């Protein structure tokens, strides 16, 4: 149902009461950049901040979906309300991300205590990050205890979303040497928890030693990053992962860094949204304004350098309001 028939106010009460259908419709509004969706986020934002947000990142194929499915089952045993947000920028389909590759999550689809949503980029990574962050807020507002955010890709746009989590879990598998190199080079942010999935592989011990070596080069911090072994397909090590996530959460609450982390993330989110909207506005202006089009042509013909052109572009935009 479109926003013409649906006032965002109609969704507020059922969303806050945990109604899955209201949550699904609210996220669709956000995905479609419908003003009713943004109005809804405005209404429910004061009710957010209670959920534990856990971001899962790591190379494709390491079994993140399987691990999240097993963790969801573990959290449900403790009667937690769980939401899973799977971000797939690689999906070529325009009507949302593929759910077919979430086979391990399908067992939870009929569980009222679990809400699962996949989001595809539809070709705009900035828009994906923007919509995903709002979707996570809506999940939080709907009373979920845990919001699990999975990134399928490895590009910067998805990583930004994971950076907004309270706890970041890096999932690796034995033999993924590129990941160790990325950690060493500082390309990959140091996570709060590292999981070696498919750990019955003979290379597991070597990989753990290498990771410990990388971590030992980093700054001394109060949280000792655990390196856990899991066999997610069999549910092994998943209870230990749930315990490590809870322990990390307790640790950052106790030392005050949870509040600091969330404050930093919310400030960054405001800046990201502003930058994304300014960029979209500029792109629309470029397409419509012959003066700006002429300015860009001057760059192409080497009459003016890009930085000077950017200054002129911003000045023109200010003049035109």
C-alpha atoms as a PDB file:
ATOM      1  CA  UNK A   1       0.000   0.000   0.000  1.00  0.00           C
ATOM      2  CA  UNK A   2       1.443   3.381  -0.968  1.00  0.00           C
ATOM      3  CA  UNK A   3       1.827   6.361   1.311  1.00  0.00           C
ATOM      4  CA  UNK A   4      -1.277   8.049  -0.208  1.00  0.00           C
ATOM      5  CA  UNK A   5      -3.516   5.528   1.518  1.00  0.00           C
ATOM      6  CA  UNK A   6      -1.161   5.084   4.447  1.00  0.00           C
ATOM      7  CA  UNK A   7      -0.360   7.869   6.877  1.00  0.00           C
ATOM      8  CA  UNK A   8       2.908   7.286   8.741  1.00  0.00           C
ATOM      9  CA  UNK A   9       1.022   7.978  11.992  1.00  0.00           C
ATOM     10  CA  UNK A  10      -1.016   4.796  11.353  1.00  0.00           C
ATOM     11  CA  UNK A  11       2.164   2.744  11.636  1.00  0.00           C
ATOM     12  CA  UNK A  12       3.633   4.329  14.774  1.00  0.00           C
ATOM     13  CA  UNK A  13       1.600   2.485  17.435  1.00  0.00           C
ATOM     14  CA  UNK A  14       1.745  -0.983  15.812  1.00  0.00           C
ATOM     15  CA  UNK A  15       5.467  -0.551  15.081  1.00  0.00           C
ATOM     16  CA  UNK A  16       6.252   0.390  18.684  1.00  0.00           C
ATOM     17  CA  UNK A  17       4.120  -2.569  19.818  1.00  0.00           C
ATOM     18  CA  UNK A  18       6.371  -4.893  17.795  1.00  0.00           C
ATOM     19  CA  UNK A  19       3.993  -5.659  14.904  1.00  0.00           C
ATOM     20  CA  UNK A  20       6.074  -7.363  12.180  1.00  0.00           C
ATOM     21  CA  UNK A  21       3.867  -6.209   9.321  1.00  0.00           C
ATOM     22  CA  UNK A  22       4.082  -2.565  10.445  1.00  0.00           C
ATOM     23  CA  UNK A  23       7.877  -2.876  10.662  1.00  0.00           C
ATOM     24  CA  UNK A  24       8.078  -4.408   7.173  1.00  0.00           C
ATOM     25  CA  UNK A  25       5.914  -1.640   5.699  1.00  0.00           C
ATOM     26  CA  UNK A  26       7.918   1.052   7.486  1.00  0.00           C
ATOM     27  CA  UNK A  27      11.206  -0.275   6.060  1.00  0.00           C
ATOM     28  CA  UNK A  28       9.668  -0.384   2.564  1.00  0.00           C
ATOM     29  CA  UNK A  29       8.768   3.302   2.891  1.00  0.00           C
ATOM     30  CA  UNK A  30      12.384   4.084   3.810  1.00  0.00           C
ATOM     31  CA  UNK A  31      13.734   1.952   0.944  1.00  0.00           C
ATOM     32  CA  UNK A  32      11.504   3.850  -1.478  1.00  0.00           C
ATOM     33  CA  UNK A  33      12.657   7.201  -0.036  1.00  0.00           C
ATOM     34  CA  UNK A  34       9.012   7.959   0.755  1.00  0.00           C
ATOM     35  CA  UNK A  35       8.547  11.084   2.939  1.00  0.00           C
ATOM     36  CA  UNK A  36       6.142   9.046   5.107  1.00  0.00           C
ATOM     37  CA  UNK A  37       9.069   6.781   6.025  1.00  0.00           C
ATOM     38  CA  UNK A  38      11.245   9.673   7.177  1.00  0.00           C
ATOM     39  CA  UNK A  39       8.294  11.095   9.139  1.00  0.00           C
ATOM     40  CA  UNK A  40       7.885   7.720  10.835  1.00  0.00           C
ATOM     41  CA  UNK A  41      11.569   7.605  11.838  1.00  0.00           C
ATOM     42  CA  UNK A  42      11.161  11.099  13.305  1.00  0.00           C
ATOM     43  CA  UNK A  43       8.207   9.883  15.387  1.00  0.00           C
ATOM     44  CA  UNK A  44       9.852   6.740  16.764  1.00  0.00           C
ATOM     45  CA  UNK A  45      13.472   7.922  17.123  1.00  0.00           C
ATOM     46  CA  UNK A  46      13.051   8.884  20.820  1.00  0.00           C
ATOM     47  CA  UNK A  47      12.109   5.238  21.498  1.00  0.00           C
ATOM     48  CA  UNK A  48      15.391   3.860  20.068  1.00  0.00           C
ATOM     49  CA  UNK A  49      18.632   2.995  21.839  1.00  0.00           C
ATOM     50  CA  UNK A  50      17.578  -0.121  23.742  1.00  0.00           C
ATOM     51  CA  UNK A  51      18.605  -2.816  21.226  1.00  0.00           C
ATOM     52  CA  UNK A  52      22.046  -4.373  21.138  1.00  0.00           C
ATOM     53  CA  UNK A  53      23.274  -3.805  17.551  1.00  0.00           C
ATOM     54  CA  UNK A  54      25.827  -6.345  16.341  1.00  0.00           C
ATOM     55  CA  UNK A  55      27.508  -5.980  12.955  1.00  0.00           C
ATOM     56  CA  UNK A  56      28.912  -8.975  11.094  1.00  0.00           C
ATOM     57  CA  UNK A  57      31.507  -8.423   8.407  1.00  0.00           C
ATOM     58  CA  UNK A  58      34.034 -10.529   6.537  1.00  0.00           C
ATOM     59  CA  UNK A  59      34.722 -11.887   3.057  1.00  0.00           C
ATOM     60  CA  UNK A  60      31.938 -13.569   1.042  1.00  0.00           C
ATOM     61  CA  UNK A  61      31.645 -17.312   1.517  1.00  0.00           C
ATOM     62  CA  UNK A  62      32.814 -17.561   5.121  1.00  0.00           C
ATOM     63  CA  UNK A  63      29.346 -18.541   6.357  1.00  0.00           C
ATOM     64  CA  UNK A  64      28.067 -15.303   7.911  1.00  0.00           C
ATOM     65  CA  UNK A  65      24.406 -16.099   7.110  1.00  0.00           C
ATOM     66  CA  UNK A  66      24.734 -19.571   8.606  1.00  0.00           C
ATOM     67  CA  UNK A  67      26.408 -18.152  11.698  1.00  0.00           C
ATOM     68  CA  UNK A  68      23.721 -15.479  12.130  1.00  0.00           C
ATOM     69  CA  UNK A  69      21.008 -18.131  11.714  1.00  0.00           C
ATOM     70  CA  UNK A  70      22.610 -20.244  14.449  1.00  0.00           C
ATOM     71  CA  UNK A  71      23.126 -17.195  16.702  1.00  0.00           C
ATOM     72  CA  UNK A  72      19.478 -16.195  16.211  1.00  0.00           C
ATOM     73  CA  UNK A  73      18.401 -19.659  17.403  1.00  0.00           C
ATOM     74  CA  UNK A  74      20.710 -19.307  20.424  1.00  0.00           C
ATOM     75  CA  UNK A  75      19.308 -15.867  21.319  1.00  0.00           C
ATOM     76  CA  UNK A  76      15.731 -17.118  20.918  1.00  0.00           C
ATOM     77  CA  UNK A  77      16.460 -19.821  23.492  1.00  0.00           C
ATOM     78  CA  UNK A  78      16.906 -16.933  25.946  1.00  0.00           C
ATOM     79  CA  UNK A  79      13.605 -15.461  24.671  1.00  0.00           C
ATOM     80  CA  UNK A  80      15.310 -12.501  22.984  1.00  0.00           C
ATOM     81  CA  UNK A  81      13.424 -10.643  20.246  1.00  0.00           C
ATOM     82  CA  UNK A  82      15.785 -10.644  17.242  1.00  0.00           C
ATOM     83  CA  UNK A  83      15.947  -8.669  13.980  1.00  0.00           C
ATOM     84  CA  UNK A  84      18.343  -9.527  11.146  1.00  0.00           C
ATOM     85  CA  UNK A  85      19.250  -6.939   8.517  1.00  0.00           C
ATOM     86  CA  UNK A  86      21.160  -8.404   5.599  1.00  0.00           C
ATOM     87  CA  UNK A  87      22.768  -5.862   3.281  1.00  0.00           C
ATOM     88  CA  UNK A  88      23.588  -7.114  -0.203  1.00  0.00           C
ATOM     89  CA  UNK A  89      24.954  -4.477  -2.566  1.00  0.00           C
ATOM     90  CA  UNK A  90      25.749  -7.063  -5.218  1.00  0.00           C
ATOM     91  CA  UNK A  91      22.186  -8.160  -5.956  1.00  0.00           C
ATOM     92  CA  UNK A  92      21.335  -7.354  -9.589  1.00  0.00           C
ATOM     93  CA  UNK A  93      17.606  -7.415  -8.871  1.00  0.00           C
ATOM     94  CA  UNK A  94      15.690  -4.177  -8.516  1.00  0.00           C
ATOM     95  CA  UNK A  95      12.981  -5.353  -6.136  1.00  0.00           C
ATOM     96  CA  UNK A  96      15.181  -6.122  -3.132  1.00  0.00           C
ATOM     97  CA  UNK A  97      17.946  -8.510  -2.208  1.00  0.00           C
ATOM     98  CA  UNK A  98      17.801 -12.226  -2.833  1.00  0.00           C
ATOM     99  CA  UNK A  99      16.495 -14.213   0.086  1.00  0.00           C
ATOM    100  CA  UNK A 100      17.480 -17.479  -1.567  1.00  0.00           C
ATOM    101  CA  UNK A 101      21.004 -17.276  -0.159  1.00  0.00           C
ATOM    102  CA  UNK A 102      19.591 -16.965   3.353  1.00  0.00           C
ATOM    103  CA  UNK A 103      18.643 -20.628   3.524  1.00  0.00           C
ATOM    104  CA  UNK A 104      19.929 -20.937   7.083  1.00  0.00           C
ATOM    105  CA  UNK A 105      17.636 -18.134   8.182  1.00  0.00           C
ATOM    106  CA  UNK A 106      14.467 -19.590   6.653  1.00  0.00           C
ATOM    107  CA  UNK A 107      13.767 -21.725   9.732  1.00  0.00           C
ATOM    108  CA  UNK A 108      13.110 -18.453  11.588  1.00  0.00           C
ATOM    109  CA  UNK A 109      10.665 -16.908   9.113  1.00  0.00           C
ATOM    110  CA  UNK A 110       7.586 -18.215  10.943  1.00  0.00           C
ATOM    111  CA  UNK A 111       8.900 -17.267  14.389  1.00  0.00           C
ATOM    112  CA  UNK A 112       7.073 -14.175  15.703  1.00  0.00           C
ATOM    113  CA  UNK A 113      10.139 -13.274  17.765  1.00  0.00           C
ATOM    114  CA  UNK A 114      12.360 -12.963  14.673  1.00  0.00           C
ATOM    115  CA  UNK A 115      12.229 -10.365  11.899  1.00  0.00           C
ATOM    116  CA  UNK A 116      14.443 -10.812   8.816  1.00  0.00           C
ATOM    117  CA  UNK A 117      14.996  -8.282   6.048  1.00  0.00           C
ATOM    118  CA  UNK A 118      17.382  -8.217   3.090  1.00  0.00           C
ATOM    119  CA  UNK A 119      18.196  -4.937   1.400  1.00  0.00           C
ATOM    120  CA  UNK A 120      19.787  -4.484  -2.017  1.00  0.00           C
ATOM    121  CA  UNK A 121      21.590  -1.398  -3.200  1.00  0.00           C
ATOM    122  CA  UNK A 122      19.578  -0.844  -6.391  1.00  0.00           C
ATOM    123  CA  UNK A 123      22.765   0.674  -7.771  1.00  0.00           C
ATOM    124  CA  UNK A 124      23.264   3.409  -5.158  1.00  0.00           C
ATOM    125  CA  UNK A 125      25.662   2.520  -2.391  1.00  0.00           C
ATOM    126  CA  UNK A 126      25.181   5.821  -0.535  1.00  0.00           C
ATOM    127  CA  UNK A 127      21.428   5.279  -0.623  1.00  0.00           C
ATOM    128  CA  UNK A 128      21.881   1.756   0.641  1.00  0.00           C
ATOM    129  CA  UNK A 129      23.863   2.876   3.672  1.00  0.00           C
ATOM    130  CA  UNK A 130      21.322   5.613   4.371  1.00  0.00           C
ATOM    131  CA  UNK A 131      18.282   3.297   4.137  1.00  0.00           C
ATOM    132  CA  UNK A 132      20.003   0.528   6.111  1.00  0.00           C
ATOM    133  CA  UNK A 133      20.798   2.790   9.047  1.00  0.00           C
ATOM    134  CA  UNK A 134      17.171   3.933   9.176  1.00  0.00           C
ATOM    135  CA  UNK A 135      15.957   0.312   8.924  1.00  0.00           C
ATOM    136  CA  UNK A 136      18.137  -0.616  11.921  1.00  0.00           C
ATOM    137  CA  UNK A 137      16.601   2.280  13.898  1.00  0.00           C
ATOM    138  CA  UNK A 138      13.086   1.063  13.055  1.00  0.00           C
ATOM    139  CA  UNK A 139      14.008  -2.478  14.183  1.00  0.00           C
ATOM    140  CA  UNK A 140      15.319  -1.037  17.455  1.00  0.00           C
ATOM    141  CA  UNK A 141      12.136   1.044  17.950  1.00  0.00           C
ATOM    142  CA  UNK A 142       9.972  -2.036  17.389  1.00  0.00           C
ATOM    143  CA  UNK A 143      11.277  -3.557  20.619  1.00  0.00           C
ATOM    144  CA  UNK A 144      13.924  -5.963  19.317  1.00  0.00           C
ATOM    145  CA  UNK A 145      16.522  -6.912  21.924  1.00  0.00           C
ATOM    146  CA  UNK A 146      19.151  -7.701  19.286  1.00  0.00           C
ATOM    147  CA  UNK A 147      19.621  -6.268  15.794  1.00  0.00           C
ATOM    148  CA  UNK A 148      22.095  -8.351  13.775  1.00  0.00           C
ATOM    149  CA  UNK A 149      23.452  -6.540  10.704  1.00  0.00           C
ATOM    150  CA  UNK A 150      25.125  -8.666   8.034  1.00  0.00           C
ATOM    151  CA  UNK A 151      27.103  -7.270   5.124  1.00  0.00           C
ATOM    152  CA  UNK A 152      27.457  -9.555   2.116  1.00  0.00           C
ATOM    153  CA  UNK A 153      29.872  -7.378   0.169  1.00  0.00           C
ATOM    154  CA  UNK A 154      33.256  -6.017   1.170  1.00  0.00           C
ATOM    155  CA  UNK A 155      32.989  -2.448  -0.198  1.00  0.00           C
ATOM    156  CA  UNK A 156      33.318   0.691   1.879  1.00  0.00           C
ATOM    157  CA  UNK A 157      29.610   1.531   1.689  1.00  0.00           C
ATOM    158  CA  UNK A 158      28.541  -1.588   3.562  1.00  0.00           C
ATOM    159  CA  UNK A 159      31.404  -1.394   6.045  1.00  0.00           C
ATOM    160  CA  UNK A 160      30.149   2.070   7.030  1.00  0.00           C
ATOM    161  CA  UNK A 161      26.849   0.521   8.082  1.00  0.00           C
ATOM    162  CA  UNK A 162      28.581  -2.100  10.218  1.00  0.00           C
ATOM    163  CA  UNK A 163      30.613   0.675  11.850  1.00  0.00           C
ATOM    164  CA  UNK A 164      27.373   1.901  13.419  1.00  0.00           C
ATOM    165  CA  UNK A 165      27.058  -1.288  15.484  1.00  0.00           C
ATOM    166  CA  UNK A 166      27.754  -1.530  19.217  1.00  0.00           C
ATOM    167  CA  UNK A 167      29.795  -4.696  18.671  1.00  0.00           C
ATOM    168  CA  UNK A 168      31.574  -5.642  15.442  1.00  0.00           C
ATOM    169  CA  UNK A 169      32.201  -9.310  14.655  1.00  0.00           C
ATOM    170  CA  UNK A 170      34.678 -10.220  11.916  1.00  0.00           C
ATOM    171  CA  UNK A 171      34.001 -13.666  10.461  1.00  0.00           C
ATOM    172  CA  UNK A 172      36.857 -15.438   8.705  1.00  0.00           C
ATOM    173  CA  UNK A 173      37.566 -18.988   7.600  1.00  0.00           C
ATOM    174  CA  UNK A 174      40.827 -20.902   7.468  1.00  0.00           C
ATOM    175  CA  UNK A 175      42.752 -20.273   4.281  1.00  0.00           C
ATOM    176  CA  UNK A 176      41.395 -16.737   3.767  1.00  0.00           C
ATOM    177  CA  UNK A 177      44.918 -15.268   3.823  1.00  0.00           C
ATOM    178  CA  UNK A 178      43.763 -12.056   2.139  1.00  0.00           C
ATOM    179  CA  UNK A 179      41.855 -11.193   5.287  1.00  0.00           C
ATOM    180  CA  UNK A 180      44.999 -11.463   7.424  1.00  0.00           C
ATOM    181  CA  UNK A 181      46.812  -9.193   4.974  1.00  0.00           C
ATOM    182  CA  UNK A 182      43.931  -6.703   5.138  1.00  0.00           C
ATOM    183  CA  UNK A 183      44.110  -6.716   8.947  1.00  0.00           C
ATOM    184  CA  UNK A 184      47.896  -6.223   8.840  1.00  0.00           C
ATOM    185  CA  UNK A 185      47.616  -3.365   6.383  1.00  0.00           C
ATOM    186  CA  UNK A 186      44.943  -1.667   8.474  1.00  0.00           C
ATOM    187  CA  UNK A 187      42.486  -1.836   5.559  1.00  0.00           C
ATOM    188  CA  UNK A 188      40.096  -3.777   7.761  1.00  0.00           C
ATOM    189  CA  UNK A 189      39.071  -2.120  11.009  1.00  0.00           C
ATOM    190  CA  UNK A 190      40.046  -4.096  14.091  1.00  0.00           C
ATOM    191  CA  UNK A 191      36.787  -5.725  15.223  1.00  0.00           C
ATOM    192  CA  UNK A 192      35.608  -6.430  18.777  1.00  0.00           C
ATOM    193  CA  UNK A 193      35.284 -10.190  18.248  1.00  0.00           C
ATOM    194  CA  UNK A 194      36.913 -12.441  15.642  1.00  0.00           C
ATOM    195  CA  UNK A 195      35.257 -15.715  14.632  1.00  0.00           C
ATOM    196  CA  UNK A 196      36.983 -18.456  12.666  1.00  0.00           C
ATOM    197  CA  UNK A 197      34.099 -20.359  11.089  1.00  0.00           C
ATOM    198  CA  UNK A 198      34.458 -23.799   9.445  1.00  0.00           C
ATOM    199  CA  UNK A 199      37.155 -24.290  12.081  1.00  0.00           C
ATOM    200  CA  UNK A 200      37.582 -28.050  11.627  1.00  0.00           C
ATOM    201  CA  UNK A 201      40.039 -27.095   8.850  1.00  0.00           C
ATOM    202  CA  UNK A 202      43.696 -28.113   9.480  1.00  0.00           C
ATOM    203  CA  UNK A 203      44.842 -24.491   8.910  1.00  0.00           C
ATOM    204  CA  UNK A 204      42.767 -23.115  11.811  1.00  0.00           C
ATOM    205  CA  UNK A 205      45.541 -23.134  14.449  1.00  0.00           C
ATOM    206  CA  UNK A 206      47.976 -21.428  12.063  1.00  0.00           C
ATOM    207  CA  UNK A 207      45.398 -18.777  11.240  1.00  0.00           C
ATOM    208  CA  UNK A 208      44.685 -18.056  14.918  1.00  0.00           C
ATOM    209  CA  UNK A 209      48.428 -17.654  15.570  1.00  0.00           C
ATOM    210  CA  UNK A 210      48.703 -15.212  12.643  1.00  0.00           C
ATOM    211  CA  UNK A 211      45.734 -13.176  13.878  1.00  0.00           C
ATOM    212  CA  UNK A 212      47.162 -13.045  17.417  1.00  0.00           C
ATOM    213  CA  UNK A 213      50.393 -11.766  15.872  1.00  0.00           C
ATOM    214  CA  UNK A 214      48.544  -8.997  14.040  1.00  0.00           C
ATOM    215  CA  UNK A 215      46.577  -8.006  17.149  1.00  0.00           C
ATOM    216  CA  UNK A 216      49.744  -7.869  19.265  1.00  0.00           C
ATOM    217  CA  UNK A 217      51.043  -5.084  16.991  1.00  0.00           C
ATOM    218  CA  UNK A 218      48.021  -2.899  17.754  1.00  0.00           C
ATOM    219  CA  UNK A 219      47.612  -0.437  20.608  1.00  0.00           C
ATOM    220  CA  UNK A 220      46.976  -1.745  24.106  1.00  0.00           C
ATOM    221  CA  UNK A 221      43.252  -1.588  24.863  1.00  0.00           C
ATOM    222  CA  UNK A 222      41.095  -2.593  27.812  1.00  0.00           C
ATOM    223  CA  UNK A 223      39.133  -5.180  25.782  1.00  0.00           C
ATOM    224  CA  UNK A 224      41.071  -8.315  24.838  1.00  0.00           C
ATOM    225  CA  UNK A 225      39.691  -9.329  21.444  1.00  0.00           C
ATOM    226  CA  UNK A 226      38.537 -12.952  21.649  1.00  0.00           C
ATOM    227  CA  UNK A 227      39.235 -15.276  18.709  1.00  0.00           C
ATOM    228  CA  UNK A 228      36.490 -17.899  18.660  1.00  0.00           C
ATOM    229  CA  UNK A 229      36.129 -21.125  16.696  1.00  0.00           C
ATOM    230  CA  UNK A 230      32.734 -22.033  15.276  1.00  0.00           C
ATOM    231  CA  UNK A 231      31.153 -24.671  13.096  1.00  0.00           C
ATOM    232  CA  UNK A 232      27.998 -22.690  12.422  1.00  0.00           C
ATOM    233  CA  UNK A 233      26.355 -25.372  10.267  1.00  0.00           C
ATOM    234  CA  UNK A 234      26.451 -27.694  13.305  1.00  0.00           C
ATOM    235  CA  UNK A 235      25.841 -24.969  15.890  1.00  0.00           C
ATOM    236  CA  UNK A 236      29.247 -25.498  17.514  1.00  0.00           C
ATOM    237  CA  UNK A 237      30.797 -22.525  19.292  1.00  0.00           C
ATOM    238  CA  UNK A 238      27.658 -20.415  18.841  1.00  0.00           C
ATOM    239  CA  UNK A 239      26.787 -20.264  22.556  1.00  0.00           C
ATOM    240  CA  UNK A 240      30.346 -19.016  23.169  1.00  0.00           C
ATOM    241  CA  UNK A 241      29.839 -16.321  20.519  1.00  0.00           C
ATOM    242  CA  UNK A 242      26.569 -15.177  22.168  1.00  0.00           C
ATOM    243  CA  UNK A 243      28.403 -15.051  25.522  1.00  0.00           C
ATOM    244  CA  UNK A 244      31.300 -13.036  24.017  1.00  0.00           C
ATOM    245  CA  UNK A 245      28.857 -10.509  22.477  1.00  0.00           C
ATOM    246  CA  UNK A 246      27.088 -10.106  25.851  1.00  0.00           C
ATOM    247  CA  UNK A 247      30.460  -9.780  27.614  1.00  0.00           C
ATOM    248  CA  UNK A 248      31.647  -7.107  25.168  1.00  0.00           C
ATOM    249  CA  UNK A 249      28.403  -5.196  25.608  1.00  0.00           C
ATOM    250  CA  UNK A 250      28.756  -5.335  29.416  1.00  0.00           C
ATOM    251  CA  UNK A 251      32.384  -4.204  29.129  1.00  0.00           C
ATOM    252  CA  UNK A 252      31.668  -1.119  26.997  1.00  0.00           C
ATOM    253  CA  UNK A 253      28.653  -0.212  29.154  1.00  0.00           C
ATOM    254  CA  UNK A 254      30.775  -0.442  32.312  1.00  0.00           C
ATOM    255  CA  UNK A 255      33.626   1.708  30.991  1.00  0.00           C
ATOM    256  CA  UNK A 256      31.303   4.234  29.321  1.00  0.00           C
ATOM    257  CA  UNK A 257      32.496   3.577  25.777  1.00  0.00           C
ATOM    258  CA  UNK A 258      29.066   2.358  24.608  1.00  0.00           C
ATOM    259  CA  UNK A 259      27.680   5.876  25.086  1.00  0.00           C
ATOM    260  CA  UNK A 260      30.803   7.368  23.434  1.00  0.00           C
ATOM    261  CA  UNK A 261      30.590   4.947  20.496  1.00  0.00           C
ATOM    262  CA  UNK A 262      26.894   5.664  19.951  1.00  0.00           C
ATOM    263  CA  UNK A 263      27.422   9.422  20.184  1.00  0.00           C
ATOM    264  CA  UNK A 264      30.207   9.208  17.573  1.00  0.00           C
ATOM    265  CA  UNK A 265      28.090   6.980  15.323  1.00  0.00           C
ATOM    266  CA  UNK A 266      25.044   9.286  15.507  1.00  0.00           C
ATOM    267  CA  UNK A 267      27.173  12.349  14.735  1.00  0.00           C
ATOM    268  CA  UNK A 268      28.706  10.503  11.775  1.00  0.00           C
ATOM    269  CA  UNK A 269      25.254   9.457  10.607  1.00  0.00           C
ATOM    270  CA  UNK A 270      24.048  13.076  10.577  1.00  0.00           C
ATOM    271  CA  UNK A 271      27.096  14.082   8.503  1.00  0.00           C
ATOM    272  CA  UNK A 272      26.703  11.090   6.142  1.00  0.00           C
ATOM    273  CA  UNK A 273      23.030  11.880   5.535  1.00  0.00           C
ATOM    274  CA  UNK A 274      23.816  15.553   4.923  1.00  0.00           C
ATOM    275  CA  UNK A 275      26.675  14.733   2.518  1.00  0.00           C
ATOM    276  CA  UNK A 276      24.558  12.162   0.679  1.00  0.00           C
ATOM    277  CA  UNK A 277      21.708  14.654   0.208  1.00  0.00           C
ATOM    278  CA  UNK A 278      23.994  17.494  -0.860  1.00  0.00           C
ATOM    279  CA  UNK A 279      25.574  15.160  -3.417  1.00  0.00           C
ATOM    280  CA  UNK A 280      22.178  14.127  -4.780  1.00  0.00           C
ATOM    281  CA  UNK A 281      21.144  17.773  -4.972  1.00  0.00           C
ATOM    282  CA  UNK A 282      24.329  18.681  -6.809  1.00  0.00           C
ATOM    283  CA  UNK A 283      23.905  15.810  -9.269  1.00  0.00           C
ATOM    284  CA  UNK A 284      20.349  16.955 -10.020  1.00  0.00           C
ATOM    285  CA  UNK A 285      21.554  20.552 -10.467  1.00  0.00           C
ATOM    286  CA  UNK A 286      24.330  19.467 -12.841  1.00  0.00           C
ATOM    287  CA  UNK A 287      21.807  17.677 -15.035  1.00  0.00           C
ATOM    288  CA  UNK A 288      19.497  20.695 -15.238  1.00  0.00           C
ATOM    289  CA  UNK A 289      21.722  23.772 -15.156  1.00  0.00           C
ATOM    290  CA  UNK A 290      23.446  24.782 -18.427  1.00  0.00           C
ATOM    291  CA  UNK A 291      25.831  27.101 -16.514  1.00  0.00           C
ATOM    292  CA  UNK A 292      27.135  24.187 -14.469  1.00  0.00           C
ATOM    293  CA  UNK A 293      27.297  21.983 -17.542  1.00  0.00           C
ATOM    294  CA  UNK A 294      29.449  24.657 -19.215  1.00  0.00           C
ATOM    295  CA  UNK A 295      31.675  24.809 -16.122  1.00  0.00           C
ATOM    296  CA  UNK A 296      32.284  21.062 -16.297  1.00  0.00           C
ATOM    297  CA  UNK A 297      33.049  21.335 -20.014  1.00  0.00           C
ATOM    298  CA  UNK A 298      35.774  23.862 -19.135  1.00  0.00           C
ATOM    299  CA  UNK A 299      37.378  21.251 -16.861  1.00  0.00           C
ATOM    300  CA  UNK A 300      37.277  18.692 -19.663  1.00  0.00           C
ATOM    301  CA  UNK A 301      38.998  21.165 -22.019  1.00  0.00           C
ATOM    302  CA  UNK A 302      41.628  21.897 -19.321  1.00  0.00           C
ATOM    303  CA  UNK A 303      40.658  25.571 -19.001  1.00  0.00           C
ATOM    304  CA  UNK A 304      40.054  25.201 -15.273  1.00  0.00           C
ATOM    305  CA  UNK A 305      41.260  22.646 -12.719  1.00  0.00           C
ATOM    306  CA  UNK A 306      38.792  20.370 -10.840  1.00  0.00           C
ATOM    307  CA  UNK A 307      39.317  21.985  -7.409  1.00  0.00           C
ATOM    308  CA  UNK A 308      38.666  25.501  -8.754  1.00  0.00           C
ATOM    309  CA  UNK A 309      35.617  24.198 -10.625  1.00  0.00           C
ATOM    310  CA  UNK A 310      34.301  22.613  -7.406  1.00  0.00           C
ATOM    311  CA  UNK A 311      34.612  25.976  -5.613  1.00  0.00           C
ATOM    312  CA  UNK A 312      32.764  27.705  -8.466  1.00  0.00           C
ATOM    313  CA  UNK A 313      30.092  25.013  -8.417  1.00  0.00           C
ATOM    314  CA  UNK A 314      29.458  25.491  -4.698  1.00  0.00           C
ATOM    315  CA  UNK A 315      29.408  29.280  -5.119  1.00  0.00           C
ATOM    316  CA  UNK A 316      26.865  28.976  -7.960  1.00  0.00           C
ATOM    317  CA  UNK A 317      24.725  26.676  -5.826  1.00  0.00           C
ATOM    318  CA  UNK A 318      24.736  29.171  -2.942  1.00  0.00           C
ATOM    319  CA  UNK A 319      23.805  32.032  -5.268  1.00  0.00           C
ATOM    320  CA  UNK A 320      20.898  30.038  -6.663  1.00  0.00           C
ATOM    321  CA  UNK A 321      19.771  29.040  -3.178  1.00  0.00           C
END
